[in-house]
Amino acid sequence: MASPGLLFLLMVSSSLLLSGLSAPSSSKQLQTHALQKRTGAKKVAKHSATILSAVTPIIRLIPVHGPLISAILSLASAVLGNIGGLEDKTLAFIRTEFINLNIKIDQYHKEQKWDTWASVYAKYETKIDTKWNNFKDLVKVFGMKEKEKEWNKKIDEFITQYKPDAVNEFANLLTKDNAAFITDFGKLISDHVNCHEKDVKVLIEVINNLIYQGVTMNHFYYTHKKMNEVDKLAKKAYEVSSNMFQIHKKCIINSMKYVEEDVRKLIDESDKSQQAKKIRVFLEEAYVRYDWTVVVFNTKNSGHKKSKFMNSHFLSGFTEVTNSNKLTAAVARQLKGKHSKVRSVSEDIKNCVKDSVLCKNVKTKLKECNAITDHYSAIHVFKAKGDRHDSKGETPNFYEGTCSVSPGIKTGMFIVFIKSDEEIEKKDPCSTMECGDETKGKCVVLEKTLIPVCECKKPYYGEKCEESLDKYKEDMNKELPKSQSTE
């Protein structure tokens, strides 16, 4: 039996969901108001049950979130009507659907925020891109004596029409907090592309290129006005580039959050083995630094907490994502690397876990094997071949063994995902990373990963601190007509 507090919370939640999804009629508002005004537990229960029974069939017709609201109302009706046997099942459904509903609402908010920023971004992109085309046309004819009148005219037109403030404003949007936006730019970009590294890199490249074009034109404009602003312009570009680096770094560190979101969207009602492959292929393309393995199974078959022996699957080292309380997709990853030690580690596992070991005890048995401590990243145990429904990549980094479902019945299997040589040997990831000498930058390992990156000291930048502000200013000058250059 649900407590009065829980019941009240569920009823209020259903009321809020209803108001958000469809405008209630005045009669329903009056009924709700009347319900809130009544006193006495018996009167409230009787009146509530009448209202809930009346509105439930209508609620079922509301798309998307109707089942959730209907379940909440069914639970409330069951509790108020003193009907037993529904609470646990309905509550489980409600919890899962609440998660899914919150995800959909969060996604809506993300899209709204991105649209807000994109509308501003597009404005500056159009201005910079249009002017850049004009600028390139101007550069093409500059210095050609037969077109002296033409390029003088083009320069006058360009200088008269050009507004350097647009580039400065755009750069400020990318480097500073701005009251016009609900969230900071970095989080907005991360949410929009879900930290898919290839997408983040492309977006950052586009932004850096726009800034480069903008500061180059500003440089031309200020030089024509006999104002030396090149250092300020290069500094602004450096600030934007540094901010883009921080965004990229945060994406790598927090990528599992976005992996869960991606996987949840990919779960459907199709064949479980096909789903596992579809999800794995997607993850390999979106998160390219890792090798992935995916298992898909019926949630109800492996959700037993107290009677674990009833579960069809036993997992360790996986992140489990459940959708609509029906299917679970479990994903595990490890950084790509060399795998010359797989054979020797496999022999150690074989000697450690005999086929007489009960499937539910495989994880514990592996922990007891000192020879392979920290040599594997994930374990998948399943009771029958028909329960497998997994997908692994082409990397030969796993061991398959047999276990016993019960004494004497050796139909179970387990798969152990073996770490790369680099992880087993615990080599310093920075040992092979060049970031220039100490004056340029240093290598750091990103938290929660074994990924090395270069953190550059000003005025250096780039993936390996190979670029500098001086070089950036030289490149800016190359874009200018020779007589305009500050070289």
Foldseek 3Di string as FASTA:
>chain_A
DDDPVVLVVLVVVLVVVCVVQDPDDPVVVVLVVVLVPDDDPLVNLVSLLVVLVVCLVVLCPRPDCSVLSSLSSVLSNCVSVVNDDNPPVSVVLNVQSVVVVVLVVVLVVLVVLLVLVVVVVVVLLVLLVVLLVLLLVLQVCPPPVVCVVVSVVSVVVSLVPDDLVSLVVLLCLQQDDDPSGPDHPLVSLCSVLVLLPVVLVVVLVVSLVSLLSSLLVVLLNCLVVVHPCLVVSLVSSQSNQVSSVVSNLVSVQPNVVSLLVVLQVQDDDDDLLVSQAVSQVVCCNRVVQKWKKKAKAFCVQQVDDPPRLSHQKDKDLWDWHDHSNTMIMTMHIAGDAAAPCQVVLLVLLPVQDDQQAAQVCSVVSVCPRPVCVQFFRMKMKGQAPVRGSMDGDPPPFKHKDWYASDGPRTHIMMMTGGHHPCRVVVDQLCPPAAQDDPQFWGWDARPPHSDIFTDTDPQFDDRNSPDGSVVSLVVSQVSDRPVSGPD
